[in-house]
PDB file of N, CA and C in Angstrom:
ATOM      1  N   MET A   1    -193.963  80.633  10.451  1.00  0.00           N
ATOM      2  CA  MET A   1    -193.565  79.640   9.467  1.00  0.00           C
ATOM      3  C   MET A   1    -194.726  78.701   9.167  1.00  0.00           C
ATOM      4  N   CYS A   2    -194.742  78.207   7.951  1.00  0.00           N
ATOM      5  CA  CYS A   2    -195.757  77.239   7.561  1.00  0.00           C
ATOM      6  C   CYS A   2    -195.347  75.851   8.048  1.00  0.00           C
ATOM      7  N   CYS A   3    -196.128  74.863   7.710  1.00  0.00           N
ATOM      8  CA  CYS A   3    -195.881  73.510   8.203  1.00  0.00           C
ATOM      9  C   CYS A   3    -194.542  72.938   7.719  1.00  0.00           C
ATOM     10  N   CYS A   4    -194.059  73.345   6.556  1.00  0.00           N
ATOM     11  CA  CYS A   4    -192.781  72.806   6.062  1.00  0.00           C
ATOM     12  C   CYS A   4    -191.592  73.632   6.549  1.00  0.00           C
ATOM     13  N   GLY A   5    -191.849  74.813   7.138  1.00  0.00           N
ATOM     14  CA  GLY A   5    -190.784  75.629   7.685  1.00  0.00           C
ATOM     15  C   GLY A   5    -190.088  76.528   6.685  1.00  0.00           C
ATOM     16  N   ARG A   6    -190.501  76.532   5.438  1.00  0.00           N
ATOM     17  CA  ARG A   6    -189.818  77.322   4.404  1.00  0.00           C
ATOM     18  C   ARG A   6    -190.355  78.742   4.266  1.00  0.00           C
ATOM     19  N   TYR A   7    -191.654  78.903   4.426  1.00  0.00           N
ATOM     20  CA  TYR A   7    -192.271  80.178   4.108  1.00  0.00           C
ATOM     21  C   TYR A   7    -192.986  80.733   5.335  1.00  0.00           C
ATOM     22  N   SER A   8    -193.035  82.048   5.413  1.00  0.00           N
ATOM     23  CA  SER A   8    -193.834  82.671   6.465  1.00  0.00           C
ATOM     24  C   SER A   8    -195.286  82.732   5.987  1.00  0.00           C
ATOM     25  N   TRP A   9    -196.200  82.775   6.928  1.00  0.00           N
ATOM     26  CA  TRP A   9    -197.625  82.838   6.570  1.00  0.00           C
ATOM     27  C   TRP A   9    -197.916  84.105   5.784  1.00  0.00           C
ATOM     28  N   ARG A  10    -197.215  85.193   6.109  1.00  0.00           N
ATOM     29  CA  ARG A  10    -197.440  86.461   5.407  1.00  0.00           C
ATOM     30  C   ARG A  10    -197.085  86.330   3.927  1.00  0.00           C
ATOM     31  N   SER A  11    -195.960  85.685   3.609  1.00  0.00           N
ATOM     32  CA  SER A  11    -195.570  85.542   2.203  1.00  0.00           C
ATOM     33  C   SER A  11    -196.534  84.603   1.472  1.00  0.00           C
ATOM     34  N   LEU A  12    -197.002  83.566   2.156  1.00  0.00           N
ATOM     35  CA  LEU A  12    -197.990  82.675   1.524  1.00  0.00           C
ATOM     36  C   LEU A  12    -199.286  83.401   1.233  1.00  0.00           C
ATOM     37  N   ARG A  13    -199.741  84.228   2.181  1.00  0.00           N
ATOM     38  CA  ARG A  13    -200.987  84.969   2.002  1.00  0.00           C
ATOM     39  C   ARG A  13    -200.870  85.950   0.840  1.00  0.00           C
ATOM     40  N   SER A  14    -199.738  86.670   0.744  1.00  0.00           N
ATOM     41  CA  SER A  14    -199.586  87.631  -0.356  1.00  0.00           C
ATOM     42  C   SER A  14    -199.465  86.903  -1.697  1.00  0.00           C
ATOM     43  N   SER A  15    -198.805  85.756  -1.709  1.00  0.00           N
ATOM     44  CA  SER A  15    -198.700  84.979  -2.954  1.00  0.00           C
ATOM     45  C   SER A  15    -200.070  84.498  -3.400  1.00  0.00           C
ATOM     46  N   LEU A  16    -200.862  84.051  -2.448  1.00  0.00           N
ATOM     47  CA  LEU A  16    -202.201  83.579  -2.776  1.00  0.00           C
ATOM     48  C   LEU A  16    -203.051  84.713  -3.318  1.00  0.00           C
ATOM     49  N   SER A  17    -202.977  85.878  -2.714  1.00  0.00           N
ATOM     50  CA  SER A  17    -203.794  86.984  -3.203  1.00  0.00           C
ATOM     51  C   SER A  17    -203.350  87.427  -4.602  1.00  0.00           C
ATOM     52  N   ARG A  18    -202.043  87.375  -4.898  1.00  0.00           N
ATOM     53  CA  ARG A  18    -201.564  87.689  -6.258  1.00  0.00           C
ATOM     54  C   ARG A  18    -202.047  86.654  -7.270  1.00  0.00           C
ATOM     55  N   LEU A  19    -202.057  85.385  -6.874  1.00  0.00           N
ATOM     56  CA  LEU A  19    -202.542  84.326  -7.772  1.00  0.00           C
ATOM     57  C   LEU A  19    -204.034  84.504  -8.066  1.00  0.00           C
ATOM     58  N   LEU A  20    -204.800  84.811  -7.040  1.00  0.00           N
ATOM     59  CA  LEU A  20    -206.233  85.025  -7.241  1.00  0.00           C
ATOM     60  C   LEU A  20    -206.488  86.223  -8.146  1.00  0.00           C
ATOM     61  N   GLU A  21    -205.750  87.288  -7.943  1.00  0.00           N
ATOM     62  CA  GLU A  21    -205.905  88.478  -8.780  1.00  0.00           C
ATOM     63  C   GLU A  21    -205.565  88.164 -10.236  1.00  0.00           C
ATOM     64  N   ALA A  22    -204.481  87.426 -10.444  1.00  0.00           N
ATOM     65  CA  ALA A  22    -204.068  87.064 -11.803  1.00  0.00           C
ATOM     66  C   ALA A  22    -205.096  86.142 -12.460  1.00  0.00           C
ATOM     67  N   ALA A  23    -205.677  85.256 -11.672  1.00  0.00           N
ATOM     68  CA  ALA A  23    -206.648  84.306 -12.222  1.00  0.00           C
ATOM     69  C   ALA A  23    -207.933  84.991 -12.638  1.00  0.00           C
ATOM     70  N   THR A  24    -208.299  86.068 -11.946  1.00  0.00           N
ATOM     71  CA  THR A  24    -209.561  86.738 -12.255  1.00  0.00           C
ATOM     72  C   THR A  24    -209.423  87.867 -13.259  1.00  0.00           C
ATOM     73  N   GLN A  25    -208.206  88.275 -13.592  1.00  0.00           N
ATOM     74  CA  GLN A  25    -208.027  89.341 -14.574  1.00  0.00           C
ATOM     75  C   GLN A  25    -208.529  88.867 -15.936  1.00  0.00           C
ATOM     76  N   GLY A  26    -209.219  89.752 -16.611  1.00  0.00           N
ATOM     77  CA  GLY A  26    -209.696  89.421 -17.942  1.00  0.00           C
ATOM     78  C   GLY A  26    -211.041  88.710 -17.940  1.00  0.00           C
ATOM     79  N   ARG A  27    -211.459  88.217 -16.815  1.00  0.00           N
ATOM     80  CA  ARG A  27    -212.777  87.578 -16.765  1.00  0.00           C
ATOM     81  C   ARG A  27    -213.840  88.649 -16.626  1.00  0.00           C
ATOM     82  N   GLN A  28    -214.944  88.400 -17.274  1.00  0.00           N
ATOM     83  CA  GLN A  28    -216.060  89.325 -17.133  1.00  0.00           C
ATOM     84  C   GLN A  28    -217.111  88.647 -16.276  1.00  0.00           C
ATOM     85  N   PHE A  29    -217.462  89.290 -15.201  1.00  0.00           N
ATOM     86  CA  PHE A  29    -218.468  88.752 -14.305  1.00  0.00           C
ATOM     87  C   PHE A  29    -219.779  89.474 -14.552  1.00  0.00           C
ATOM     88  N   LYS A  30    -220.862  88.746 -14.391  1.00  0.00           N
ATOM     89  CA  LYS A  30    -222.175  89.361 -14.560  1.00  0.00           C
ATOM     90  C   LYS A  30    -222.358  90.442 -13.506  1.00  0.00           C
ATOM     91  N   LYS A  31    -222.882  91.555 -13.925  1.00  0.00           N
ATOM     92  CA  LYS A  31    -223.150  92.621 -12.982  1.00  0.00           C
ATOM     93  C   LYS A  31    -224.520  92.442 -12.343  1.00  0.00           C
ATOM     94  N   GLU A  32    -225.326  91.598 -12.946  1.00  0.00           N
ATOM     95  CA  GLU A  32    -226.663  91.354 -12.427  1.00  0.00           C
ATOM     96  C   GLU A  32    -226.559  90.469 -11.189  1.00  0.00           C
ATOM     97  N   ARG A  33    -227.147  90.909 -10.097  1.00  0.00           N
ATOM     98  CA  ARG A  33    -227.139  90.120  -8.873  1.00  0.00           C
ATOM     99  C   ARG A  33    -228.421  89.325  -8.790  1.00  0.00           C
ATOM    100  N   ARG A  34    -228.304  88.095  -8.314  1.00  0.00           N
ATOM    101  CA  ARG A  34    -229.482  87.266  -8.104  1.00  0.00           C
ATOM    102  C   ARG A  34    -230.160  87.705  -6.824  1.00  0.00           C
ATOM    103  N   MET A  35    -231.455  87.808  -6.868  1.00  0.00           N
ATOM    104  CA  MET A  35    -232.212  88.145  -5.675  1.00  0.00           C
ATOM    105  C   MET A  35    -232.846  86.876  -5.133  1.00  0.00           C
ATOM    106  N   PRO A  36    -232.785  86.678  -3.823  1.00  0.00           N
ATOM    107  CA  PRO A  36    -233.422  85.498  -3.260  1.00  0.00           C
ATOM    108  C   PRO A  36    -234.936  85.581  -3.408  1.00  0.00           C
ATOM    109  N   VAL A  37    -235.584  84.435  -3.328  1.00  0.00           N
ATOM    110  CA  VAL A  37    -237.046  84.407  -3.391  1.00  0.00           C
ATOM    111  C   VAL A  37    -237.571  85.160  -2.177  1.00  0.00           C
ATOM    112  N   SER A  38    -238.448  86.108  -2.416  1.00  0.00           N
ATOM    113  CA  SER A  38    -238.988  86.936  -1.349  1.00  0.00           C
ATOM    114  C   SER A  38    -239.972  86.137  -0.504  1.00  0.00           C
ATOM    115  N   LYS A  39    -239.782  86.122   0.811  1.00  0.00           N
ATOM    116  CA  LYS A  39    -240.681  85.379   1.694  1.00  0.00           C
ATOM    117  C   LYS A  39    -241.839  86.269   2.120  1.00  0.00           C
ATOM    118  N   GLY A  40    -241.598  87.263   2.902  1.00  0.00           N
ATOM    119  CA  GLY A  40    -242.565  88.236   3.389  1.00  0.00           C
ATOM    120  C   GLY A  40    -244.028  87.896   3.225  1.00  0.00           C
ATOM    121  N   GLU A  41    -244.765  88.855   2.718  1.00  0.00           N
ATOM    122  CA  GLU A  41    -246.214  88.723   2.590  1.00  0.00           C
ATOM    123  C   GLU A  41    -246.632  87.762   1.482  1.00  0.00           C
ATOM    124  N   HIS A  42    -245.750  87.509   0.524  1.00  0.00           N
ATOM    125  CA  HIS A  42    -246.095  86.605  -0.571  1.00  0.00           C
ATOM    126  C   HIS A  42    -246.447  85.209  -0.055  1.00  0.00           C
ATOM    127  N   PHE A  43    -245.716  84.731   0.941  1.00  0.00           N
ATOM    128  CA  PHE A  43    -245.951  83.395   1.479  1.00  0.00           C
ATOM    129  C   PHE A  43    -247.302  83.300   2.181  1.00  0.00           C
ATOM    130  N   ALA A  44    -247.812  84.402   2.696  1.00  0.00           N
ATOM    131  CA  ALA A  44    -249.099  84.405   3.397  1.00  0.00           C
ATOM    132  C   ALA A  44    -250.277  84.545   2.430  1.00  0.00           C
ATOM    133  N   GLN A  45    -250.037  85.040   1.226  1.00  0.00           N
ATOM    134  CA  GLN A  45    -251.119  85.335   0.295  1.00  0.00           C
ATOM    135  C   GLN A  45    -251.355  84.261  -0.758  1.00  0.00           C
ATOM    136  N   ARG A  46    -250.303  83.531  -1.141  1.00  0.00           N
ATOM    137  CA  ARG A  46    -250.455  82.558  -2.226  1.00  0.00           C
ATOM    138  C   ARG A  46    -249.410  81.463  -2.089  1.00  0.00           C
ATOM    139  N   ASP A  47    -249.635  80.362  -2.784  1.00  0.00           N
ATOM    140  CA  ASP A  47    -248.645  79.291  -2.809  1.00  0.00           C
ATOM    141  C   ASP A  47    -247.433  79.759  -3.611  1.00  0.00           C
ATOM    142  N   ILE A  48    -246.255  79.389  -3.145  1.00  0.00           N
ATOM    143  CA  ILE A  48    -245.003  79.760  -3.810  1.00  0.00           C
ATOM    144  C   ILE A  48    -244.339  78.489  -4.315  1.00  0.00           C
ATOM    145  N   TYR A  49    -243.851  78.526  -5.535  1.00  0.00           N
ATOM    146  CA  TYR A  49    -243.169  77.382  -6.151  1.00  0.00           C
ATOM    147  C   TYR A  49    -241.747  77.802  -6.487  1.00  0.00           C
ATOM    148  N   ILE A  50    -240.775  76.982  -6.069  1.00  0.00           N
ATOM    149  CA  ILE A  50    -239.362  77.322  -6.243  1.00  0.00           C
ATOM    150  C   ILE A  50    -238.645  76.180  -6.956  1.00  0.00           C
ATOM    151  N   ASP A  51    -237.849  76.533  -7.951  1.00  0.00           N
ATOM    152  CA  ASP A  51    -237.014  75.562  -8.664  1.00  0.00           C
ATOM    153  C   ASP A  51    -235.566  75.849  -8.305  1.00  0.00           C
ATOM    154  N   TYR A  52    -234.872  74.818  -7.798  1.00  0.00           N
ATOM    155  CA  TYR A  52    -233.460  74.936  -7.456  1.00  0.00           C
ATOM    156  C   TYR A  52    -232.724  73.937  -8.337  1.00  0.00           C
ATOM    157  N   SER A  53    -232.360  74.374  -9.550  1.00  0.00           N
ATOM    158  CA  SER A  53    -231.812  73.479 -10.563  1.00  0.00           C
ATOM    159  C   SER A  53    -230.444  72.916 -10.184  1.00  0.00           C
ATOM    160  N   PHE A  54    -229.681  73.616  -9.356  1.00  0.00           N
ATOM    161  CA  PHE A  54    -228.357  73.134  -8.969  1.00  0.00           C
ATOM    162  C   PHE A  54    -228.449  71.781  -8.256  1.00  0.00           C
ATOM    163  N   GLU A  55    -229.476  71.600  -7.435  1.00  0.00           N
ATOM    164  CA  GLU A  55    -229.686  70.344  -6.715  1.00  0.00           C
ATOM    165  C   GLU A  55    -230.811  69.504  -7.319  1.00  0.00           C
ATOM    166  N   GLU A  56    -231.356  69.950  -8.458  1.00  0.00           N
ATOM    167  CA  GLU A  56    -232.435  69.240  -9.160  1.00  0.00           C
ATOM    168  C   GLU A  56    -233.612  68.949  -8.234  1.00  0.00           C
ATOM    169  N   VAL A  57    -234.130  70.014  -7.626  1.00  0.00           N
ATOM    170  CA  VAL A  57    -235.245  69.882  -6.698  1.00  0.00           C
ATOM    171  C   VAL A  57    -236.154  71.105  -6.820  1.00  0.00           C
ATOM    172  N   MET A  58    -237.440  70.897  -6.551  1.00  0.00           N
ATOM    173  CA  MET A  58    -238.416  71.976  -6.534  1.00  0.00           C
ATOM    174  C   MET A  58    -239.163  71.924  -5.204  1.00  0.00           C
ATOM    175  N   PHE A  59    -239.674  73.060  -4.784  1.00  0.00           N
ATOM    176  CA  PHE A  59    -240.427  73.143  -3.540  1.00  0.00           C
ATOM    177  C   PHE A  59    -241.752  73.832  -3.787  1.00  0.00           C
ATOM    178  N   ARG A  60    -242.763  73.418  -3.021  1.00  0.00           N
ATOM    179  CA  ARG A  60    -244.074  74.075  -3.029  1.00  0.00           C
ATOM    180  C   ARG A  60    -244.372  74.498  -1.609  1.00  0.00           C
ATOM    181  N   CYS A  61    -244.638  75.778  -1.415  1.00  0.00           N
ATOM    182  CA  CYS A  61    -244.967  76.319  -0.100  1.00  0.00           C
ATOM    183  C   CYS A  61    -246.458  76.605  -0.075  1.00  0.00           C
ATOM    184  N   ASP A  62    -247.188  75.830   0.710  1.00  0.00           N
ATOM    185  CA  ASP A  62    -248.642  75.961   0.820  1.00  0.00           C
ATOM    186  C   ASP A  62    -248.964  77.085   1.807  1.00  0.00           C
ATOM    187  N   HIS A  63    -249.603  78.146   1.312  1.00  0.00           N
ATOM    188  CA  HIS A  63    -249.856  79.302   2.168  1.00  0.00           C
ATOM    189  C   HIS A  63    -250.961  79.057   3.189  1.00  0.00           C
ATOM    190  N   VAL A  64    -251.864  78.108   2.933  1.00  0.00           N
ATOM    191  CA  VAL A  64    -252.968  77.841   3.859  1.00  0.00           C
ATOM    192  C   VAL A  64    -252.463  77.113   5.107  1.00  0.00           C
ATOM    193  N   THR A  65    -251.711  76.040   4.909  1.00  0.00           N
ATOM    194  CA  THR A  65    -251.220  75.235   6.039  1.00  0.00           C
ATOM    195  C   THR A  65    -249.837  75.658   6.504  1.00  0.00           C
ATOM    196  N   GLY A  66    -249.103  76.405   5.685  1.00  0.00           N
ATOM    197  CA  GLY A  66    -247.744  76.795   6.017  1.00  0.00           C
ATOM    198  C   GLY A  66    -246.741  75.664   5.811  1.00  0.00           C
ATOM    199  N   SER A  67    -247.164  74.609   5.113  1.00  0.00           N
ATOM    200  CA  SER A  67    -246.297  73.454   4.876  1.00  0.00           C
ATOM    201  C   SER A  67    -245.445  73.645   3.629  1.00  0.00           C
ATOM    202  N   ILE A  68    -244.296  72.978   3.619  1.00  0.00           N
ATOM    203  CA  ILE A  68    -243.377  73.022   2.480  1.00  0.00           C
ATOM    204  C   ILE A  68    -243.197  71.599   1.976  1.00  0.00           C
ATOM    205  N   PHE A  69    -243.426  71.409   0.680  1.00  0.00           N
ATOM    206  CA  PHE A  69    -243.293  70.087   0.076  1.00  0.00           C
ATOM    207  C   PHE A  69    -242.156  70.107  -0.937  1.00  0.00           C
ATOM    208  N   ARG A  70    -241.460  68.991  -1.016  1.00  0.00           N
ATOM    209  CA  ARG A  70    -240.275  68.869  -1.875  1.00  0.00           C
ATOM    210  C   ARG A  70    -240.572  67.904  -3.016  1.00  0.00           C
ATOM    211  N   ARG A  71    -240.014  68.207  -4.187  1.00  0.00           N
ATOM    212  CA  ARG A  71    -240.163  67.343  -5.353  1.00  0.00           C
ATOM    213  C   ARG A  71    -238.834  67.310  -6.108  1.00  0.00           C
ATOM    214  N   PHE A  72    -238.138  66.184  -6.030  1.00  0.00           N
ATOM    215  CA  PHE A  72    -236.905  66.040  -6.792  1.00  0.00           C
ATOM    216  C   PHE A  72    -237.244  65.811  -8.260  1.00  0.00           C
ATOM    217  N   TYR A  73    -236.353  66.222  -9.142  1.00  0.00           N
ATOM    218  CA  TYR A  73    -236.565  66.015 -10.566  1.00  0.00           C
ATOM    219  C   TYR A  73    -236.773  64.525 -10.829  1.00  0.00           C
ATOM    220  N   GLY A  74    -237.743  64.211 -11.674  1.00  0.00           N
ATOM    221  CA  GLY A  74    -238.013  62.828 -12.055  1.00  0.00           C
ATOM    222  C   GLY A  74    -238.812  62.056 -11.020  1.00  0.00           C
ATOM    223  N   GLU A  75    -239.250  62.694  -9.949  1.00  0.00           N
ATOM    224  CA  GLU A  75    -240.013  62.028  -8.896  1.00  0.00           C
ATOM    225  C   GLU A  75    -241.272  62.821  -8.589  1.00  0.00           C
ATOM    226  N   GLY A  76    -242.135  62.225  -7.769  1.00  0.00           N
ATOM    227  CA  GLY A  76    -243.342  62.904  -7.327  1.00  0.00           C
ATOM    228  C   GLY A  76    -243.078  63.739  -6.084  1.00  0.00           C
ATOM    229  N   GLU A  77    -244.097  64.452  -5.657  1.00  0.00           N
ATOM    230  CA  GLU A  77    -243.984  65.300  -4.483  1.00  0.00           C
ATOM    231  C   GLU A  77    -243.912  64.447  -3.215  1.00  0.00           C
ATOM    232  N   SER A  78    -243.149  64.912  -2.244  1.00  0.00           N
ATOM    233  CA  SER A  78    -243.026  64.191  -0.979  1.00  0.00           C
ATOM    234  C   SER A  78    -244.366  64.189  -0.246  1.00  0.00           C
ATOM    235  N   ALA A  79    -244.671  63.082   0.427  1.00  0.00           N
ATOM    236  CA  ALA A  79    -245.928  62.965   1.169  1.00  0.00           C
ATOM    237  C   ALA A  79    -245.876  63.788   2.451  1.00  0.00           C
ATOM    238  N   LYS A  80    -244.712  63.828   3.075  1.00  0.00           N
ATOM    239  CA  LYS A  80    -244.551  64.568   4.321  1.00  0.00           C
ATOM    240  C   LYS A  80    -243.934  65.928   4.033  1.00  0.00           C
ATOM    241  N   PRO A  81    -244.400  66.956   4.725  1.00  0.00           N
ATOM    242  CA  PRO A  81    -243.772  68.272   4.551  1.00  0.00           C
ATOM    243  C   PRO A  81    -242.351  68.281   5.111  1.00  0.00           C
ATOM    244  N   VAL A  82    -241.514  69.136   4.551  1.00  0.00           N
ATOM    245  CA  VAL A  82    -240.152  69.299   5.076  1.00  0.00           C
ATOM    246  C   VAL A  82    -240.178  70.451   6.080  1.00  0.00           C
ATOM    247  N   PRO A  83    -239.287  70.421   7.065  1.00  0.00           N
ATOM    248  CA  PRO A  83    -239.265  71.514   8.056  1.00  0.00           C
ATOM    249  C   PRO A  83    -238.788  72.829   7.434  1.00  0.00           C
ATOM    250  N   HIS A  84    -239.174  73.916   8.058  1.00  0.00           N
ATOM    251  CA  HIS A  84    -238.808  75.244   7.555  1.00  0.00           C
ATOM    252  C   HIS A  84    -237.308  75.498   7.623  1.00  0.00           C
ATOM    253  N   ASP A  85    -236.612  74.802   8.512  1.00  0.00           N
ATOM    254  CA  ASP A  85    -235.169  75.008   8.626  1.00  0.00           C
ATOM    255  C   ASP A  85    -234.370  74.005   7.792  1.00  0.00           C
ATOM    256  N   ASN A  86    -235.031  73.336   6.852  1.00  0.00           N
ATOM    257  CA  ASN A  86    -234.369  72.379   5.970  1.00  0.00           C
ATOM    258  C   ASN A  86    -233.278  73.090   5.168  1.00  0.00           C
ATOM    259  N   HIS A  87    -232.079  72.517   5.200  1.00  0.00           N
ATOM    260  CA  HIS A  87    -230.913  73.120   4.544  1.00  0.00           C
ATOM    261  C   HIS A  87    -231.140  73.328   3.046  1.00  0.00           C
ATOM    262  N   LEU A  88    -231.674  72.309   2.384  1.00  0.00           N
ATOM    263  CA  LEU A  88    -231.899  72.375   0.942  1.00  0.00           C
ATOM    264  C   LEU A  88    -232.949  73.429   0.595  1.00  0.00           C
ATOM    265  N   PHE A  89    -234.002  73.512   1.396  1.00  0.00           N
ATOM    266  CA  PHE A  89    -235.052  74.505   1.173  1.00  0.00           C
ATOM    267  C   PHE A  89    -234.495  75.919   1.313  1.00  0.00           C
ATOM    268  N   ASN A  90    -233.685  76.144   2.326  1.00  0.00           N
ATOM    269  CA  ASN A  90    -233.131  77.479   2.528  1.00  0.00           C
ATOM    270  C   ASN A  90    -232.149  77.870   1.435  1.00  0.00           C
ATOM    271  N   HIS A  91    -231.412  76.908   0.889  1.00  0.00           N
ATOM    272  CA  HIS A  91    -230.560  77.194  -0.271  1.00  0.00           C
ATOM    273  C   HIS A  91    -231.423  77.524  -1.480  1.00  0.00           C
ATOM    274  N   ALA A  92    -232.542  76.820  -1.638  1.00  0.00           N
ATOM    275  CA  ALA A  92    -233.447  77.104  -2.755  1.00  0.00           C
ATOM    276  C   ALA A  92    -234.014  78.518  -2.649  1.00  0.00           C
ATOM    277  N   LEU A  93    -234.316  78.962  -1.429  1.00  0.00           N
ATOM    278  CA  LEU A  93    -234.807  80.327  -1.251  1.00  0.00           C
ATOM    279  C   LEU A  93    -233.765  81.351  -1.685  1.00  0.00           C
ATOM    280  N   LEU A  94    -232.508  81.077  -1.379  1.00  0.00           N
ATOM    281  CA  LEU A  94    -231.440  82.026  -1.709  1.00  0.00           C
ATOM    282  C   LEU A  94    -231.026  81.981  -3.169  1.00  0.00           C
ATOM    283  N   TYR A  95    -230.941  80.775  -3.736  1.00  0.00           N
ATOM    284  CA  TYR A  95    -230.339  80.621  -5.058  1.00  0.00           C
ATOM    285  C   TYR A  95    -231.287  80.087  -6.122  1.00  0.00           C
ATOM    286  N   GLY A  96    -232.501  79.731  -5.743  1.00  0.00           N
ATOM    287  CA  GLY A  96    -233.451  79.180  -6.702  1.00  0.00           C
ATOM    288  C   GLY A  96    -234.254  80.255  -7.412  1.00  0.00           C
ATOM    289  N   ASP A  97    -235.117  79.798  -8.300  1.00  0.00           N
ATOM    290  CA  ASP A  97    -235.979  80.695  -9.069  1.00  0.00           C
ATOM    291  C   ASP A  97    -237.433  80.382  -8.770  1.00  0.00           C
ATOM    292  N   GLU A  98    -238.238  81.421  -8.665  1.00  0.00           N
ATOM    293  CA  GLU A  98    -239.665  81.210  -8.485  1.00  0.00           C
ATOM    294  C   GLU A  98    -240.254  80.769  -9.818  1.00  0.00           C
ATOM    295  N   ILE A  99    -241.108  79.735  -9.776  1.00  0.00           N
ATOM    296  CA  ILE A  99    -241.727  79.197 -10.991  1.00  0.00           C
ATOM    297  C   ILE A  99    -243.237  79.186 -10.810  1.00  0.00           C
ATOM    298  N   THR A 100    -243.949  78.846 -11.862  1.00  0.00           N
ATOM    299  CA  THR A 100    -245.408  78.781 -11.802  1.00  0.00           C
ATOM    300  C   THR A 100    -245.856  77.415 -11.294  1.00  0.00           C
ATOM    301  N   SER A 101    -247.118  77.337 -10.915  1.00  0.00           N
ATOM    302  CA  SER A 101    -247.664  76.056 -10.455  1.00  0.00           C
ATOM    303  C   SER A 101    -247.671  75.041 -11.595  1.00  0.00           C
ATOM    304  N   GLU A 102    -247.877  75.488 -12.822  1.00  0.00           N
ATOM    305  CA  GLU A 102    -247.868  74.585 -13.977  1.00  0.00           C
ATOM    306  C   GLU A 102    -246.486  73.966 -14.175  1.00  0.00           C
ATOM    307  N   GLN A 103    -245.443  74.784 -14.042  1.00  0.00           N
ATOM    308  CA  GLN A 103    -244.086  74.264 -14.182  1.00  0.00           C
ATOM    309  C   GLN A 103    -243.773  73.252 -13.082  1.00  0.00           C
ATOM    310  N   TYR A 104    -244.260  73.531 -11.890  1.00  0.00           N
ATOM    311  CA  TYR A 104    -244.034  72.609 -10.771  1.00  0.00           C
ATOM    312  C   TYR A 104    -244.754  71.286 -11.007  1.00  0.00           C
ATOM    313  N   GLU A 105    -246.024  71.360 -11.396  1.00  0.00           N
ATOM    314  CA  GLU A 105    -246.816  70.146 -11.629  1.00  0.00           C
ATOM    315  C   GLU A 105    -246.255  69.327 -12.783  1.00  0.00           C
ATOM    316  N   GLN A 106    -245.751  69.989 -13.801  1.00  0.00           N
ATOM    317  CA  GLN A 106    -245.158  69.296 -14.946  1.00  0.00           C
ATOM    318  C   GLN A 106    -243.883  68.582 -14.537  1.00  0.00           C
ATOM    319  N   GLY A 107    -243.129  69.166 -13.623  1.00  0.00           N
ATOM    320  CA  GLY A 107    -241.885  68.565 -13.157  1.00  0.00           C
ATOM    321  C   GLY A 107    -240.782  68.656 -14.201  1.00  0.00           C
ATOM    322  N   LYS A 108    -239.620  68.120 -13.854  1.00  0.00           N
ATOM    323  CA  LYS A 108    -238.476  68.097 -14.768  1.00  0.00           C
ATOM    324  C   LYS A 108    -237.801  66.759 -14.656  1.00  0.00           C
ATOM    325  N   GLU A 109    -237.112  66.381 -15.715  1.00  0.00           N
ATOM    326  CA  GLU A 109    -236.357  65.122 -15.728  1.00  0.00           C
ATOM    327  C   GLU A 109    -234.961  65.340 -15.168  1.00  0.00           C
ATOM    328  N   ARG A 110    -234.424  64.333 -14.531  1.00  0.00           N
ATOM    329  CA  ARG A 110    -233.064  64.412 -14.017  1.00  0.00           C
ATOM    330  C   ARG A 110    -232.076  64.466 -15.179  1.00  0.00           C
ATOM    331  N   SER A 111    -230.992  65.187 -14.961  1.00  0.00           N
ATOM    332  CA  SER A 111    -229.981  65.279 -16.024  1.00  0.00           C
ATOM    333  C   SER A 111    -228.935  64.198 -15.880  1.00  0.00           C
TER     334      SER A 111
END
C-alpha cells in the first residue's frame, strides 16, 4: 500500500508507466546522440576549449601544465585553476561543445 492506503505500489507503478508512455507518444526525438568532449590524447597535444551553454560557462584546459581554467559568461577567466574533479567541469565534458580559442577569448554575454 502507498502512504494513503488506497493504492498498491504495483498499480501506481503501472499507472505511472502508462502516463509516461502517453506523454511521449507523438513526440519526435532527435536520433542524433551528443558525444562528450574527447579527453584522451587530445588533452596532451593541444589546449582544449569547452563551452557549456546550459550553465553559461566555458573552460580552457592547458595541455602544458594540465590546468583547467573556468570563465563564466560576462566575466574574465579565473585566476586559480579548478580541480579535475570539479562537478561543473565534468558536466561540461559530457554535455558541452568544443570551441575554438578565438571563441573562448571573445567570451559570451550572460542571458
